Amino acid sequence: MGNNTGMRILTSSLLISLLAWGGSASAQAPDKPSLTGTWQYQPRGTTCAEQYYFRSDGTMMVTSGKEVTESTYVLSDKTVGSGFYPFEMRVTQTNGKSDCRGNQTPAGQSTSTYLRFQGNGERLILCRDANLAACMGPLIRLKGRIGA
């Protein structure tokens, strides 16, 4: 068997496996990593770190600079695109102070983004759409810390 024949068989086998697996645009994610816990993000161009405390009850607290916000969130069980989880967040309370970039987040602000986990669920990025064109991160899971 020549190299070309072997390569065609391997390529055909991979294609058949992918087709059998299913090319659904939205797939159930059986091994979705847990978001619960403490995550840290270092915004570029700053010496300030943001911490995200995700609780298992769908609430979270973010500290960024002098700003502290409380929010509710929903992380979908299904992925879209290449492993992006739809993520909805709504700010319920804020202390009205400035974050790491000098901005203030108003109570009531809602955002819809996409999370993509990396590194066995120990890192994640937040993206505006279900692609890598406009993303923030990585957020890194802090070991031994539990969401407040």
Protein backbone atom coordinates (compact mmCIF):
# COMPACT_ATOMS: atom_id res chain seq x y z
CA MET A 1 0.00 0.00 0.00
CA GLY A 2 1.49 3.36 -1.04
CA ASN A 3 1.58 6.51 1.06
CA ASN A 4 -1.27 8.10 -0.94
CA THR A 5 -3.54 5.08 -0.45
CA GLY A 6 -2.86 4.97 3.30
CA MET A 7 -3.51 8.71 3.63
CA ARG A 8 -6.83 8.41 1.73
CA ILE A 9 -7.95 5.56 4.00
CA LEU A 10 -7.02 7.57 7.12
CA THR A 11 -8.76 10.69 5.80
CA SER A 12 -11.86 8.69 4.84
CA SER A 13 -11.95 7.03 8.27
CA LEU A 14 -11.73 10.38 10.03
CA LEU A 15 -14.46 11.86 7.83
CA ILE A 16 -16.77 8.89 8.46
CA SER A 17 -16.13 9.18 12.21
CA LEU A 18 -16.96 12.90 12.18
CA LEU A 19 -20.14 12.31 10.19
CA ALA A 20 -21.21 9.51 12.49
CA TRP A 21 -20.56 11.71 15.53
CA GLY A 22 -22.94 14.30 14.14
CA GLY A 23 -22.29 17.75 12.83
CA SER A 24 -24.94 19.48 14.91
CA ALA A 25 -24.52 23.24 15.28
CA SER A 26 -25.74 22.90 18.87
CA ALA A 27 -24.60 19.91 20.87
CA GLN A 28 -25.19 18.68 24.39
CA ALA A 29 -22.00 19.12 26.36
CA PRO A 30 -21.72 16.03 28.58
CA ASP A 31 -18.49 17.17 30.25
CA LYS A 32 -19.25 20.86 30.74
CA PRO A 33 -16.73 22.22 33.24
CA SER A 34 -18.07 23.84 36.38
CA LEU A 35 -18.07 27.62 36.51
CA THR A 36 -18.46 27.65 40.30
CA GLY A 37 -15.46 29.10 42.09
CA THR A 38 -13.07 32.02 41.86
CA TRP A 39 -11.56 33.19 38.58
CA GLN A 40 -9.06 35.97 37.96
CA TYR A 41 -8.45 38.18 34.93
CA GLN A 42 -5.62 40.66 34.40
CA PRO A 43 -6.80 43.33 31.91
CA ARG A 44 -4.09 44.23 29.41
CA GLY A 45 -2.30 47.48 30.07
CA THR A 46 -3.22 47.55 33.77
CA THR A 47 -1.72 46.35 37.03
CA CYS A 48 -5.24 45.77 38.32
CA ALA A 49 -6.72 42.26 38.60
CA GLU A 50 -10.41 41.39 38.39
CA GLN A 51 -11.88 38.53 40.39
CA TYR A 52 -15.06 36.70 39.44
CA TYR A 53 -16.80 34.65 42.16
CA PHE A 54 -19.33 32.30 40.55
CA ARG A 55 -21.75 30.64 42.93
CA SER A 56 -23.64 27.44 42.15
CA ASP A 57 -27.01 29.19 42.69
CA GLY A 58 -26.61 31.34 39.54
CA THR A 59 -25.31 34.45 41.31
CA MET A 60 -21.89 36.01 41.09
CA MET A 61 -19.77 38.82 42.49
CA VAL A 62 -17.11 40.68 40.53
CA THR A 63 -14.41 42.86 42.05
CA SER A 64 -12.50 45.10 39.64
CA GLY A 65 -10.48 48.02 40.94
CA LYS A 66 -12.74 49.69 43.51
CA GLU A 67 -15.92 48.40 41.88
CA VAL A 68 -17.90 45.52 43.36
CA THR A 69 -20.94 44.18 41.50
CA GLU A 70 -23.45 41.44 42.22
CA SER A 71 -25.12 39.71 39.28
CA THR A 72 -27.24 36.78 38.23
CA TYR A 73 -26.06 34.51 35.43
CA VAL A 74 -27.15 31.59 33.28
CA LEU A 75 -24.66 29.33 31.51
CA SER A 76 -26.23 27.13 28.85
CA ASP A 77 -25.78 23.35 28.96
CA LYS A 78 -25.39 23.30 25.18
CA THR A 79 -22.52 24.58 23.10
CA VAL A 80 -22.74 26.42 19.81
CA GLY A 81 -20.05 26.73 17.17
CA SER A 82 -16.73 25.27 18.32
CA GLY A 83 -17.40 24.74 22.02
CA PHE A 84 -18.88 28.12 22.99
CA TYR A 85 -21.44 28.19 25.80
CA PRO A 86 -24.06 30.96 25.65
CA PHE A 87 -23.76 33.05 28.83
CA GLU A 88 -26.30 35.60 30.09
CA MET A 89 -25.55 38.00 32.92
CA ARG A 90 -27.52 40.80 34.61
CA VAL A 91 -26.04 43.19 37.19
CA THR A 92 -28.32 43.41 40.23
CA GLN A 93 -26.21 45.60 42.55
CA THR A 94 -23.15 47.82 42.32
CA ASN A 95 -21.22 50.00 44.72
CA GLY A 96 -20.95 52.70 42.01
CA LYS A 97 -17.15 52.90 42.08
CA SER A 98 -14.74 52.59 39.14
CA ASP A 99 -13.41 49.30 37.76
CA CYS A 100 -9.86 48.52 36.58
CA ARG A 101 -10.39 50.54 33.40
CA GLY A 102 -12.00 53.53 35.14
CA ASN A 103 -15.55 52.58 34.10
CA GLN A 104 -18.65 52.07 36.24
CA THR A 105 -21.12 49.25 35.62
CA PRO A 106 -24.76 50.30 36.16
CA ALA A 107 -27.24 48.08 38.00
CA GLY A 108 -29.65 46.53 35.53
CA GLN A 109 -27.06 46.12 32.76
CA SER A 110 -27.53 42.83 30.90
CA THR A 111 -25.00 41.14 28.64
CA SER A 112 -25.13 38.12 26.38
CA THR A 113 -21.76 36.60 25.57
CA TYR A 114 -20.17 33.22 25.00
CA LEU A 115 -17.78 31.31 27.26
CA ARG A 116 -15.21 28.91 25.97
CA PHE A 117 -13.34 26.74 28.46
CA GLN A 118 -9.69 25.87 27.93
CA GLY A 119 -7.09 23.76 29.74
CA ASN A 120 -9.40 21.11 31.21
CA GLY A 121 -11.79 23.78 32.49
CA GLU A 122 -9.13 25.72 34.40
CA ARG A 123 -9.15 28.69 32.00
CA LEU A 124 -11.90 30.40 30.06
CA ILE A 125 -12.42 33.24 27.64
CA LEU A 126 -15.48 35.45 27.16
CA CYS A 127 -16.37 36.28 23.56
CA ARG A 128 -18.88 38.69 22.05
CA ASP A 129 -19.96 36.05 19.50
CA ALA A 130 -19.51 32.29 19.21
CA ASN A 131 -16.08 32.75 17.59
CA LEU A 132 -12.64 34.03 18.52
CA ALA A 133 -12.90 37.40 16.74
CA ALA A 134 -13.57 39.54 19.86
CA CYS A 135 -12.71 37.88 23.17
CA MET A 136 -11.52 38.81 26.65
CA GLY A 137 -9.34 36.63 28.79
CA PRO A 138 -8.15 34.30 29.81
CA LEU A 139 -9.81 34.07 33.18
CA ILE A 140 -7.85 31.60 35.29
CA ARG A 141 -9.45 29.46 37.99
CA LEU A 142 -7.84 30.12 41.37
CA LYS A 143 -7.23 26.92 43.30
CA GLY A 144 -8.50 26.64 46.84
CA ARG A 145 -10.87 29.62 46.54
CA ILE A 146 -14.63 29.24 46.55
CA GLY A 147 -17.09 31.82 45.26
CA ALA A 148 -18.14 34.23 47.99
